[in-house]
Amino acid sequence: MRSIGCLFVLLLLTACEAFAPGITPDAGPHELRVVTWNIHHGAGLDERVDVERLGAELKALQPDFVLLQEVDVGCKRSDGIDIPKVLAQQLGMHAAFAQNIPFQGGSYGNAILSRYPIESQYNLHYRMLRDGEQRGLLTARVTTPAGPLGIGCTHIDYREDDRERLQNVAELLQLVRERGLIAVGGDFNDLPGSRVHDAACRELIDCWREANGDAAGASYPAKAPQKRIDWLLRAQRAGIEGWRCRSARVVPTAASDHRAVLFELARDVEPQ
């Protein structure tokens, strides 16, 4: 009996080890559901701040990552709420937040929610060419069963002159290379076919276009969308081959002035 018990313990330890992080390269996620959403500090089309409403809509999408822009932490206009913390608790996710500007007694910036533990985060403040709002790119490195994975969230300038957006995209591409990000999403305040979009797509793949071709995909304004300015761009460099966007859809909402966009990424896995 003792030898049988020892054999059982050995088998159990071997099974646990096989599923430990980093042990088997194919143990990790082969599908990722990524949402990008400019949440307008939690204020909906009725101008009422309702973070629980945001959370309920996000929860229904069952995301692995949520990339949020126009996020308040401790600001007067959003009742002092720590929005990423509250959403993370509501969804059972981990949260990273970075301030781009101080605002109304609190902080305003971008946030990333992750189903996987966040091991580190980094926030790049873009070099701004003109006076105005400081913009940034938040990145998070998360721990998955297959090892670390990096993702980014950004919100860049809206003005008609695109020089600042072009500068921002150049810095974004550099950080994607340096930090090995799988994808960057957010509010790019520009349209497909623009100089900004063309510059980004020299190195990155537009996930909406990969899944849907030239279908509209407009996400702003939320009530009657006319512009596709909320993008997810994925990397295509060595080391993350096999990922592709298999579906993307705009999600109707009254919880913000933008609609959320849900992307489903899939990774090809070679048979063993």
Foldseek 3Di string as FASTA:
>chain_A
DVVVVVVVVVVVVVVVQCQAAQNDLPNWDQKFKEKEDAQLQFQFLVRDRDLVQVLVVVLVSVGQKYKYAFHWALAVSNPNHRNQVVSCVSNVWDKDFDFQDAHRNTGTAIMMTHNFAWPDKDKDFFDAPDDDGTWIKIKTWGGTSNGIAMEIETADDQDPDCPRLQSVLVVVVVVCVVVVHFKYWYFSNDAPVDPSNVSNVVFWAWQACQAPNVPQQFWAQLVDGDGNRTTMTGGPDPPQPQKHWNDKHWDRDRRHRTTMMMTMIGGDDDDD
